[in-house]
N, C-alpha and C. Protein backbone atom coordinates (compact mmCIF):
# COMPACT_ATOMS: atom_id res chain seq x y z
N MET A 1 53.93 36.71 -24.40
CA MET A 1 53.71 36.37 -23.01
C MET A 1 54.88 36.89 -22.21
N SER A 2 54.61 37.32 -21.01
CA SER A 2 55.62 37.98 -20.23
C SER A 2 56.27 37.04 -19.23
N ASP A 3 57.49 37.34 -18.88
CA ASP A 3 58.24 36.54 -17.93
C ASP A 3 58.15 37.22 -16.57
N PHE A 4 57.61 36.51 -15.59
CA PHE A 4 57.42 37.09 -14.27
C PHE A 4 58.58 36.77 -13.33
N SER A 5 59.57 36.07 -13.80
CA SER A 5 60.65 35.67 -12.91
C SER A 5 61.80 36.68 -12.96
N ASP A 6 62.39 36.91 -11.83
CA ASP A 6 63.66 37.63 -11.74
C ASP A 6 64.29 37.26 -10.40
N ALA A 7 65.46 37.78 -10.13
CA ALA A 7 66.23 37.36 -8.96
C ALA A 7 65.63 37.85 -7.65
N ARG A 8 64.89 38.97 -7.68
CA ARG A 8 64.36 39.52 -6.44
C ARG A 8 63.08 38.81 -6.02
N PRO A 9 62.90 38.57 -4.71
CA PRO A 9 61.67 37.90 -4.26
C PRO A 9 60.47 38.84 -4.39
N ARG A 10 59.29 38.24 -4.50
CA ARG A 10 58.06 39.03 -4.56
C ARG A 10 57.88 39.78 -3.24
N PRO A 11 57.26 40.95 -3.29
CA PRO A 11 56.99 41.68 -2.06
C PRO A 11 55.88 40.99 -1.27
N LEU A 12 55.67 41.45 -0.06
CA LEU A 12 54.57 40.92 0.75
C LEU A 12 53.25 41.15 0.03
N PRO A 13 52.28 40.29 0.25
CA PRO A 13 50.98 40.50 -0.38
C PRO A 13 50.40 41.86 0.02
N PRO A 14 49.65 42.48 -0.87
CA PRO A 14 49.07 43.79 -0.57
C PRO A 14 48.01 43.69 0.52
N VAL A 15 47.80 44.80 1.20
CA VAL A 15 46.73 44.90 2.19
C VAL A 15 45.58 45.64 1.52
N TRP A 16 44.44 44.97 1.40
CA TRP A 16 43.27 45.54 0.74
C TRP A 16 42.32 46.12 1.78
N PHE A 17 41.73 47.28 1.47
CA PHE A 17 40.77 47.94 2.33
C PHE A 17 39.50 48.21 1.55
N GLU A 18 38.35 48.05 2.20
CA GLU A 18 37.13 48.51 1.58
C GLU A 18 37.10 50.03 1.73
N LEU A 19 36.76 50.72 0.67
CA LEU A 19 36.78 52.18 0.70
C LEU A 19 35.89 52.77 1.78
N ASP A 20 34.75 52.15 2.04
CA ASP A 20 33.83 52.73 3.01
C ASP A 20 34.26 52.51 4.46
N THR A 21 35.37 51.82 4.69
CA THR A 21 35.85 51.64 6.07
C THR A 21 36.67 52.83 6.53
N GLY A 22 37.02 53.72 5.63
CA GLY A 22 37.82 54.88 6.00
C GLY A 22 39.30 54.57 6.16
N GLY A 23 39.74 53.38 5.79
CA GLY A 23 41.12 52.99 5.96
C GLY A 23 42.10 53.74 5.08
N LEU A 24 41.60 54.38 4.04
CA LEU A 24 42.48 55.09 3.11
C LEU A 24 42.03 56.54 2.95
N ARG A 25 42.05 57.27 4.01
CA ARG A 25 41.60 58.67 3.98
C ARG A 25 42.53 59.57 3.17
N ASP A 26 43.76 59.15 2.98
CA ASP A 26 44.75 60.00 2.32
C ASP A 26 44.74 59.91 0.80
N ILE A 27 43.75 59.27 0.22
CA ILE A 27 43.69 59.17 -1.23
C ILE A 27 43.27 60.53 -1.79
N SER A 28 43.99 60.99 -2.81
CA SER A 28 43.66 62.29 -3.41
C SER A 28 42.29 62.22 -4.08
N ARG A 29 41.69 63.38 -4.29
CA ARG A 29 40.38 63.46 -4.96
C ARG A 29 40.46 62.84 -6.35
N ASP A 30 41.56 63.08 -7.07
CA ASP A 30 41.71 62.53 -8.41
C ASP A 30 41.68 61.00 -8.39
N TRP A 31 42.42 60.41 -7.44
CA TRP A 31 42.43 58.95 -7.37
C TRP A 31 41.09 58.42 -6.88
N ARG A 32 40.46 59.09 -5.94
CA ARG A 32 39.15 58.63 -5.45
C ARG A 32 38.15 58.54 -6.60
N TYR A 33 38.22 59.51 -7.50
CA TYR A 33 37.32 59.53 -8.66
C TYR A 33 37.40 58.19 -9.41
N TRP A 34 38.60 57.67 -9.58
CA TRP A 34 38.78 56.42 -10.32
C TRP A 34 38.59 55.19 -9.45
N LEU A 35 38.99 55.23 -8.20
CA LEU A 35 38.94 54.05 -7.33
C LEU A 35 37.55 53.77 -6.78
N GLU A 36 36.79 54.81 -6.50
CA GLU A 36 35.49 54.62 -5.85
C GLU A 36 34.36 54.27 -6.82
N ASP A 37 34.54 54.56 -8.08
CA ASP A 37 33.47 54.36 -9.05
C ASP A 37 33.08 52.89 -9.13
N ARG A 38 31.78 52.63 -9.09
CA ARG A 38 31.28 51.25 -9.16
C ARG A 38 30.81 50.88 -10.56
N GLY A 39 30.97 51.81 -11.49
CA GLY A 39 30.59 51.52 -12.88
C GLY A 39 31.72 50.83 -13.62
N SER A 40 31.58 50.79 -14.91
CA SER A 40 32.55 50.10 -15.76
C SER A 40 33.81 50.94 -15.97
N LEU A 41 34.93 50.43 -15.50
CA LEU A 41 36.21 51.11 -15.74
C LEU A 41 36.50 51.13 -17.24
N THR A 42 36.17 50.05 -17.92
CA THR A 42 36.38 49.99 -19.38
C THR A 42 35.67 51.16 -20.06
N ARG A 43 34.42 51.38 -19.70
CA ARG A 43 33.64 52.46 -20.31
C ARG A 43 34.28 53.82 -20.05
N ARG A 44 34.75 54.03 -18.82
CA ARG A 44 35.39 55.30 -18.49
C ARG A 44 36.70 55.49 -19.26
N LEU A 45 37.50 54.44 -19.33
CA LEU A 45 38.76 54.54 -20.05
C LEU A 45 38.53 54.78 -21.53
N MET A 46 37.51 54.15 -22.10
CA MET A 46 37.18 54.38 -23.51
C MET A 46 36.82 55.85 -23.72
N ALA A 47 36.08 56.41 -22.78
CA ALA A 47 35.65 57.81 -22.90
C ALA A 47 36.83 58.77 -22.85
N VAL A 48 37.79 58.55 -21.94
CA VAL A 48 38.92 59.47 -21.83
C VAL A 48 40.01 59.22 -22.87
N SER A 49 39.93 58.09 -23.56
CA SER A 49 40.96 57.78 -24.56
C SER A 49 40.64 58.38 -25.92
N GLY A 50 39.49 59.00 -26.04
CA GLY A 50 39.11 59.57 -27.33
C GLY A 50 38.96 58.50 -28.41
N GLY A 51 38.50 57.32 -27.99
CA GLY A 51 38.31 56.24 -28.95
C GLY A 51 39.56 55.42 -29.23
N GLN A 52 40.67 55.77 -28.61
CA GLN A 52 41.92 55.02 -28.80
C GLN A 52 42.11 54.09 -27.60
N PHE A 53 41.35 53.00 -27.59
CA PHE A 53 41.36 52.06 -26.47
C PHE A 53 41.59 50.66 -27.00
N ASP A 54 42.48 49.92 -26.35
CA ASP A 54 42.78 48.54 -26.76
C ASP A 54 42.99 47.67 -25.53
N VAL A 55 42.74 46.39 -25.73
CA VAL A 55 42.99 45.36 -24.71
C VAL A 55 44.03 44.41 -25.27
N GLU A 56 45.07 44.16 -24.50
CA GLU A 56 46.10 43.20 -24.92
C GLU A 56 46.20 42.11 -23.85
N ILE A 57 46.06 40.87 -24.28
CA ILE A 57 46.19 39.77 -23.33
C ILE A 57 47.67 39.59 -22.98
N VAL A 58 47.97 39.65 -21.69
CA VAL A 58 49.32 39.38 -21.22
C VAL A 58 49.49 37.86 -21.14
N ARG A 59 48.53 37.22 -20.48
CA ARG A 59 48.47 35.76 -20.48
C ARG A 59 47.12 35.31 -19.93
N GLN A 60 46.71 34.13 -20.37
CA GLN A 60 45.48 33.51 -19.89
C GLN A 60 45.79 32.03 -19.73
N TYR A 61 45.49 31.50 -18.55
CA TYR A 61 45.88 30.12 -18.27
C TYR A 61 45.05 29.55 -17.13
N MET A 62 45.11 28.26 -16.96
CA MET A 62 44.49 27.60 -15.81
C MET A 62 45.57 27.52 -14.74
N GLY A 63 45.25 28.02 -13.56
CA GLY A 63 46.22 28.04 -12.48
C GLY A 63 45.54 28.15 -11.14
N LYS A 64 46.36 28.27 -10.12
CA LYS A 64 45.84 28.38 -8.75
C LYS A 64 45.93 29.83 -8.31
N PRO A 65 44.81 30.41 -7.90
CA PRO A 65 44.84 31.80 -7.42
C PRO A 65 45.70 31.93 -6.16
N ARG A 66 46.16 33.16 -5.91
CA ARG A 66 46.86 33.43 -4.64
C ARG A 66 45.86 33.22 -3.50
N ARG A 67 46.38 33.01 -2.30
CA ARG A 67 45.53 32.74 -1.14
C ARG A 67 44.50 33.85 -0.91
N ASP A 68 44.94 35.12 -1.01
CA ASP A 68 44.00 36.23 -0.75
C ASP A 68 42.89 36.25 -1.82
N GLU A 69 43.22 35.84 -3.04
CA GLU A 69 42.21 35.80 -4.11
C GLU A 69 41.21 34.67 -3.85
N ALA A 70 41.72 33.51 -3.46
CA ALA A 70 40.84 32.37 -3.15
C ALA A 70 39.91 32.73 -1.99
N ARG A 71 40.44 33.40 -0.99
CA ARG A 71 39.64 33.81 0.16
C ARG A 71 38.50 34.74 -0.27
N GLU A 72 38.80 35.72 -1.14
CA GLU A 72 37.77 36.65 -1.61
C GLU A 72 36.68 35.93 -2.39
N LEU A 73 37.06 34.89 -3.11
CA LEU A 73 36.10 34.13 -3.91
C LEU A 73 35.40 33.04 -3.11
N ALA A 74 35.81 32.87 -1.86
CA ALA A 74 35.26 31.83 -0.99
C ALA A 74 35.44 30.44 -1.61
N ILE A 75 36.64 30.21 -2.17
CA ILE A 75 36.97 28.89 -2.68
C ILE A 75 38.18 28.37 -1.89
N ALA A 76 38.35 27.09 -1.88
CA ALA A 76 39.46 26.49 -1.15
C ALA A 76 40.79 26.88 -1.80
N ALA A 77 41.79 27.14 -0.96
CA ALA A 77 43.14 27.41 -1.48
C ALA A 77 43.59 26.20 -2.28
N GLY A 78 44.25 26.45 -3.39
CA GLY A 78 44.73 25.37 -4.23
C GLY A 78 43.75 24.92 -5.29
N ARG A 79 42.52 25.48 -5.29
CA ARG A 79 41.55 25.15 -6.34
C ARG A 79 41.97 25.81 -7.64
N TRP A 80 41.72 25.18 -8.75
CA TRP A 80 42.09 25.71 -10.05
C TRP A 80 41.06 26.73 -10.53
N ALA A 81 41.56 27.68 -11.32
CA ALA A 81 40.71 28.72 -11.89
C ALA A 81 41.33 29.17 -13.21
N MET A 82 40.53 29.84 -14.01
CA MET A 82 41.09 30.49 -15.18
C MET A 82 41.59 31.85 -14.72
N ILE A 83 42.84 32.13 -15.03
CA ILE A 83 43.45 33.41 -14.66
C ILE A 83 43.72 34.17 -15.96
N ARG A 84 43.15 35.34 -16.04
CA ARG A 84 43.29 36.17 -17.25
C ARG A 84 43.93 37.49 -16.87
N GLU A 85 45.05 37.79 -17.48
CA GLU A 85 45.76 39.04 -17.21
C GLU A 85 45.85 39.82 -18.51
N VAL A 86 45.42 41.08 -18.46
CA VAL A 86 45.41 41.92 -19.65
C VAL A 86 45.95 43.30 -19.31
N THR A 87 46.40 44.00 -20.33
CA THR A 87 46.75 45.41 -20.20
C THR A 87 45.72 46.21 -20.99
N LEU A 88 45.20 47.25 -20.37
CA LEU A 88 44.26 48.15 -21.03
C LEU A 88 45.04 49.37 -21.47
N TYR A 89 44.98 49.65 -22.76
CA TYR A 89 45.73 50.76 -23.35
C TYR A 89 44.78 51.90 -23.72
N GLY A 90 45.20 53.11 -23.42
CA GLY A 90 44.50 54.30 -23.86
C GLY A 90 45.49 55.19 -24.58
N GLN A 91 45.11 55.65 -25.76
CA GLN A 91 45.96 56.53 -26.56
C GLN A 91 47.36 55.94 -26.74
N GLY A 92 47.41 54.62 -26.90
CA GLY A 92 48.67 53.93 -27.15
C GLY A 92 49.54 53.70 -25.92
N GLN A 93 49.08 54.14 -24.73
CA GLN A 93 49.84 53.99 -23.50
C GLN A 93 49.20 52.91 -22.61
N PRO A 94 50.02 52.10 -21.92
CA PRO A 94 49.45 51.13 -20.98
C PRO A 94 48.93 51.88 -19.74
N TRP A 95 47.63 51.81 -19.51
CA TRP A 95 47.03 52.54 -18.40
C TRP A 95 46.69 51.65 -17.20
N VAL A 96 46.22 50.42 -17.48
CA VAL A 96 45.73 49.56 -16.40
C VAL A 96 46.16 48.12 -16.68
N PHE A 97 46.62 47.44 -15.63
CA PHE A 97 46.85 46.00 -15.68
C PHE A 97 45.69 45.36 -14.92
N ALA A 98 44.97 44.46 -15.58
CA ALA A 98 43.83 43.81 -14.95
C ALA A 98 44.08 42.31 -14.83
N ARG A 99 43.72 41.77 -13.67
CA ARG A 99 43.87 40.34 -13.40
C ARG A 99 42.51 39.83 -12.95
N SER A 100 42.00 38.85 -13.68
CA SER A 100 40.69 38.27 -13.35
C SER A 100 40.88 36.81 -12.97
N ILE A 101 40.22 36.41 -11.90
CA ILE A 101 40.25 35.03 -11.42
C ILE A 101 38.84 34.48 -11.56
N ILE A 102 38.69 33.47 -12.40
CA ILE A 102 37.38 32.90 -12.67
C ILE A 102 37.41 31.42 -12.29
N PRO A 103 36.78 31.07 -11.15
CA PRO A 103 36.78 29.66 -10.73
C PRO A 103 36.19 28.76 -11.82
N LEU A 104 36.67 27.54 -11.88
CA LEU A 104 36.16 26.61 -12.89
C LEU A 104 34.66 26.39 -12.75
N THR A 105 34.15 26.45 -11.52
CA THR A 105 32.71 26.27 -11.32
C THR A 105 31.91 27.45 -11.91
N THR A 106 32.55 28.58 -12.10
CA THR A 106 31.87 29.72 -12.73
C THR A 106 31.81 29.54 -14.24
N LEU A 107 32.74 28.81 -14.80
CA LEU A 107 32.85 28.66 -16.26
C LEU A 107 31.92 27.58 -16.81
N THR A 108 30.72 27.49 -16.25
CA THR A 108 29.73 26.51 -16.70
C THR A 108 28.49 27.24 -17.17
N GLY A 109 27.65 26.53 -17.89
CA GLY A 109 26.40 27.12 -18.38
C GLY A 109 26.69 28.31 -19.28
N ARG A 110 25.90 29.37 -19.09
CA ARG A 110 26.04 30.56 -19.92
C ARG A 110 27.40 31.23 -19.76
N GLN A 111 28.07 31.00 -18.64
CA GLN A 111 29.37 31.63 -18.38
C GLN A 111 30.53 30.95 -19.10
N ARG A 112 30.25 29.88 -19.86
CA ARG A 112 31.31 29.26 -20.68
C ARG A 112 31.92 30.28 -21.63
N ARG A 113 31.14 31.28 -22.00
CA ARG A 113 31.61 32.32 -22.94
C ARG A 113 32.82 33.07 -22.41
N LEU A 114 33.03 33.07 -21.10
CA LEU A 114 34.17 33.77 -20.50
C LEU A 114 35.50 33.14 -20.91
N ARG A 115 35.48 31.90 -21.34
CA ARG A 115 36.71 31.21 -21.76
C ARG A 115 37.28 31.79 -23.05
N HIS A 116 36.44 32.47 -23.82
CA HIS A 116 36.83 32.89 -25.17
C HIS A 116 36.64 34.40 -25.37
N LEU A 117 37.14 35.20 -24.46
CA LEU A 117 37.00 36.65 -24.58
C LEU A 117 37.95 37.24 -25.62
N ASP A 118 39.07 36.57 -25.83
CA ASP A 118 40.11 37.09 -26.72
C ASP A 118 40.47 38.51 -26.27
N ASN A 119 40.52 39.46 -27.19
CA ASN A 119 40.90 40.83 -26.83
C ASN A 119 39.70 41.72 -26.47
N ARG A 120 38.56 41.10 -26.23
CA ARG A 120 37.40 41.88 -25.80
C ARG A 120 37.52 42.15 -24.30
N PRO A 121 37.13 43.35 -23.86
CA PRO A 121 37.21 43.67 -22.43
C PRO A 121 36.16 42.90 -21.62
N LEU A 122 36.59 42.29 -20.54
CA LEU A 122 35.69 41.59 -19.63
C LEU A 122 34.66 42.55 -19.05
N GLY A 123 35.09 43.77 -18.72
CA GLY A 123 34.18 44.76 -18.13
C GLY A 123 32.97 45.03 -19.00
N GLN A 124 33.18 45.05 -20.29
CA GLN A 124 32.07 45.30 -21.21
C GLN A 124 31.03 44.18 -21.09
N LEU A 125 31.49 42.94 -21.02
CA LEU A 125 30.58 41.81 -20.87
C LEU A 125 29.87 41.87 -19.52
N LEU A 126 30.61 42.14 -18.46
CA LEU A 126 30.02 42.16 -17.12
C LEU A 126 28.92 43.21 -17.00
N PHE A 127 29.23 44.44 -17.42
CA PHE A 127 28.28 45.53 -17.21
C PHE A 127 27.12 45.53 -18.20
N ASN A 128 27.18 44.68 -19.22
CA ASN A 128 26.06 44.52 -20.14
C ASN A 128 25.17 43.34 -19.76
N ASP A 129 25.53 42.62 -18.71
CA ASP A 129 24.79 41.44 -18.29
C ASP A 129 23.83 41.82 -17.15
N PRO A 130 22.52 41.74 -17.38
CA PRO A 130 21.57 42.12 -16.33
C PRO A 130 21.63 41.22 -15.10
N ALA A 131 22.23 40.04 -15.21
CA ALA A 131 22.35 39.13 -14.07
C ALA A 131 23.56 39.44 -13.20
N MET A 132 24.36 40.47 -13.56
CA MET A 132 25.59 40.78 -12.82
C MET A 132 25.30 41.55 -11.54
N THR A 133 25.96 41.13 -10.47
CA THR A 133 25.99 41.90 -9.23
C THR A 133 27.46 42.09 -8.85
N ARG A 134 27.71 43.15 -8.07
CA ARG A 134 29.10 43.46 -7.70
C ARG A 134 29.19 43.64 -6.19
N GLY A 135 30.22 43.02 -5.61
CA GLY A 135 30.48 43.18 -4.18
C GLY A 135 31.18 44.50 -3.91
N PRO A 136 31.59 44.73 -2.68
CA PRO A 136 32.27 45.98 -2.32
C PRO A 136 33.58 46.16 -3.09
N VAL A 137 33.94 47.42 -3.32
CA VAL A 137 35.21 47.75 -3.95
C VAL A 137 36.28 47.81 -2.86
N GLN A 138 37.37 47.10 -3.07
CA GLN A 138 38.52 47.17 -2.17
C GLN A 138 39.65 47.86 -2.92
N VAL A 139 40.48 48.59 -2.17
CA VAL A 139 41.62 49.27 -2.77
C VAL A 139 42.89 48.92 -2.01
N ALA A 140 44.01 49.05 -2.71
CA ALA A 140 45.32 48.79 -2.11
C ALA A 140 46.36 49.61 -2.85
N ARG A 141 47.46 49.82 -2.20
CA ARG A 141 48.63 50.42 -2.82
C ARG A 141 49.59 49.27 -3.07
N LEU A 142 49.77 48.88 -4.34
CA LEU A 142 50.57 47.72 -4.68
C LEU A 142 51.99 48.10 -5.05
N SER A 143 52.91 47.28 -4.64
CA SER A 143 54.27 47.42 -5.13
C SER A 143 54.27 47.10 -6.62
N ALA A 144 54.99 47.87 -7.41
CA ALA A 144 55.08 47.60 -8.84
C ALA A 144 55.70 46.23 -9.10
N ARG A 145 56.33 45.62 -8.11
CA ARG A 145 56.92 44.28 -8.26
C ARG A 145 55.84 43.23 -8.50
N TRP A 146 54.58 43.53 -8.22
CA TRP A 146 53.49 42.59 -8.49
C TRP A 146 53.10 42.60 -9.96
N LEU A 147 53.61 43.55 -10.71
CA LEU A 147 53.25 43.68 -12.13
C LEU A 147 54.22 42.90 -13.01
N PRO A 148 53.78 42.53 -14.21
CA PRO A 148 54.71 41.92 -15.16
C PRO A 148 55.85 42.89 -15.46
N GLU A 149 57.03 42.39 -15.70
CA GLU A 149 58.25 43.18 -15.89
C GLU A 149 58.06 44.41 -16.80
N PRO A 150 57.49 44.26 -17.98
CA PRO A 150 57.43 45.44 -18.86
C PRO A 150 56.53 46.57 -18.34
N LEU A 151 55.68 46.27 -17.34
CA LEU A 151 54.74 47.28 -16.84
C LEU A 151 55.19 47.93 -15.53
N ARG A 152 56.31 47.52 -15.00
CA ARG A 152 56.73 47.99 -13.67
C ARG A 152 57.16 49.45 -13.63
N GLY A 153 57.56 49.99 -14.75
CA GLY A 153 57.97 51.40 -14.76
C GLY A 153 59.11 51.64 -13.80
N ASP A 154 58.95 52.66 -12.98
CA ASP A 154 60.03 53.05 -12.06
C ASP A 154 59.88 52.41 -10.68
N ASP A 155 59.12 51.33 -10.59
CA ASP A 155 58.88 50.60 -9.34
C ASP A 155 58.12 51.40 -8.30
N GLU A 156 57.49 52.50 -8.70
CA GLU A 156 56.64 53.26 -7.77
C GLU A 156 55.40 52.44 -7.44
N PRO A 157 54.91 52.52 -6.20
CA PRO A 157 53.67 51.82 -5.88
C PRO A 157 52.52 52.34 -6.74
N CYS A 158 51.56 51.47 -7.01
CA CYS A 158 50.43 51.79 -7.88
C CYS A 158 49.13 51.58 -7.11
N TRP A 159 48.14 52.41 -7.39
CA TRP A 159 46.81 52.20 -6.83
C TRP A 159 46.12 51.07 -7.56
N ALA A 160 45.39 50.26 -6.82
CA ALA A 160 44.65 49.16 -7.41
C ALA A 160 43.30 49.04 -6.72
N ARG A 161 42.37 48.44 -7.42
CA ARG A 161 41.06 48.16 -6.83
C ARG A 161 40.65 46.77 -7.28
N ARG A 162 39.76 46.15 -6.50
CA ARG A 162 39.25 44.84 -6.89
C ARG A 162 37.85 44.66 -6.33
N SER A 163 37.11 43.79 -6.99
CA SER A 163 35.74 43.45 -6.58
C SER A 163 35.44 42.03 -7.00
N VAL A 164 34.55 41.40 -6.23
CA VAL A 164 33.98 40.13 -6.64
C VAL A 164 32.69 40.45 -7.38
N PHE A 165 32.60 39.97 -8.60
CA PHE A 165 31.38 40.07 -9.40
C PHE A 165 30.70 38.72 -9.37
N ARG A 166 29.40 38.74 -9.58
CA ARG A 166 28.66 37.48 -9.67
C ARG A 166 27.78 37.53 -10.91
N LEU A 167 27.85 36.47 -11.68
CA LEU A 167 26.98 36.29 -12.84
C LEU A 167 26.08 35.10 -12.53
N GLU A 168 24.79 35.37 -12.38
CA GLU A 168 23.84 34.33 -11.97
C GLU A 168 24.33 33.63 -10.70
N GLY A 169 24.90 34.40 -9.79
CA GLY A 169 25.37 33.88 -8.51
C GLY A 169 26.77 33.29 -8.54
N LYS A 170 27.38 33.16 -9.72
CA LYS A 170 28.71 32.55 -9.83
C LYS A 170 29.78 33.64 -9.73
N PRO A 171 30.79 33.46 -8.84
CA PRO A 171 31.76 34.52 -8.59
C PRO A 171 32.94 34.56 -9.55
N LEU A 172 33.47 35.76 -9.72
CA LEU A 172 34.76 35.98 -10.34
C LEU A 172 35.34 37.24 -9.72
N LEU A 173 36.65 37.27 -9.61
CA LEU A 173 37.35 38.39 -8.98
C LEU A 173 38.09 39.17 -10.05
N VAL A 174 37.87 40.49 -10.07
CA VAL A 174 38.55 41.36 -11.03
C VAL A 174 39.37 42.38 -10.25
N SER A 175 40.68 42.41 -10.51
CA SER A 175 41.59 43.39 -9.90
C SER A 175 42.12 44.28 -11.02
N GLU A 176 42.14 45.58 -10.76
CA GLU A 176 42.60 46.56 -11.76
C GLU A 176 43.66 47.43 -11.11
N THR A 177 44.85 47.44 -11.69
CA THR A 177 45.97 48.22 -11.16
C THR A 177 46.28 49.35 -12.14
N PHE A 178 46.23 50.57 -11.64
CA PHE A 178 46.53 51.73 -12.46
C PHE A 178 48.04 51.88 -12.58
N LEU A 179 48.52 51.95 -13.80
CA LEU A 179 49.96 52.01 -14.06
C LEU A 179 50.48 53.44 -13.98
N ALA A 180 51.79 53.57 -13.87
CA ALA A 180 52.43 54.89 -13.74
C ALA A 180 52.14 55.79 -14.94
N THR A 181 51.81 55.23 -16.08
CA THR A 181 51.54 56.02 -17.28
C THR A 181 50.13 56.59 -17.29
N PHE A 182 49.30 56.23 -16.29
CA PHE A 182 47.92 56.74 -16.24
C PHE A 182 47.87 58.00 -15.39
N ASP A 183 47.25 59.04 -15.91
CA ASP A 183 47.08 60.31 -15.20
C ASP A 183 45.68 60.36 -14.61
N PRO A 184 45.52 60.31 -13.27
CA PRO A 184 44.20 60.25 -12.67
C PRO A 184 43.41 61.57 -12.82
N ARG A 185 44.04 62.61 -13.32
CA ARG A 185 43.32 63.88 -13.52
C ARG A 185 42.43 63.84 -14.76
N ARG A 186 42.54 62.78 -15.55
CA ARG A 186 41.69 62.63 -16.74
C ARG A 186 40.24 62.46 -16.31
N ARG A 187 39.35 63.07 -17.07
CA ARG A 187 37.91 62.92 -16.80
C ARG A 187 37.18 62.68 -18.10
N PRO A 188 36.20 61.77 -18.10
CA PRO A 188 35.42 61.56 -19.31
C PRO A 188 34.50 62.75 -19.58
């Protein structure tokens, strides 16, 4: 488990934009390829990794989402949720840090299975579920200070995307941050 504390304060919360609003016109074609796709990022990463793909749990716990996350999920600030943070590895390199916020009300009925994903990718479960719907994709340029210490690299800002998914109408928020070790010129 990683230690998120250090002497420097966290940066300001990121500003998220929906891609179709035109707020991020300066995104390169290579990054657009990865950020705009509405399909499974897991599936794409598996394809470009040549079969060398792994999921490592950074931490999974019951906690309170950040205010912007609660707002996206339309839940009251301070409500508890399961927070799952993982690193997606391709070819032995950390490529993506993913943070999923799953409200406790979502973890009922058939969605109880989300509590026990272990090292299985959440994306695989989501995109194989015929009851899944996905909201708009939002993107942001995140300060590396939002990442766990071992993933910060050279503190360069990282591209990230997030969406609210719904399983049988129940929401969960998935944010995916591309790490400095990921080359966006890769294509499946």
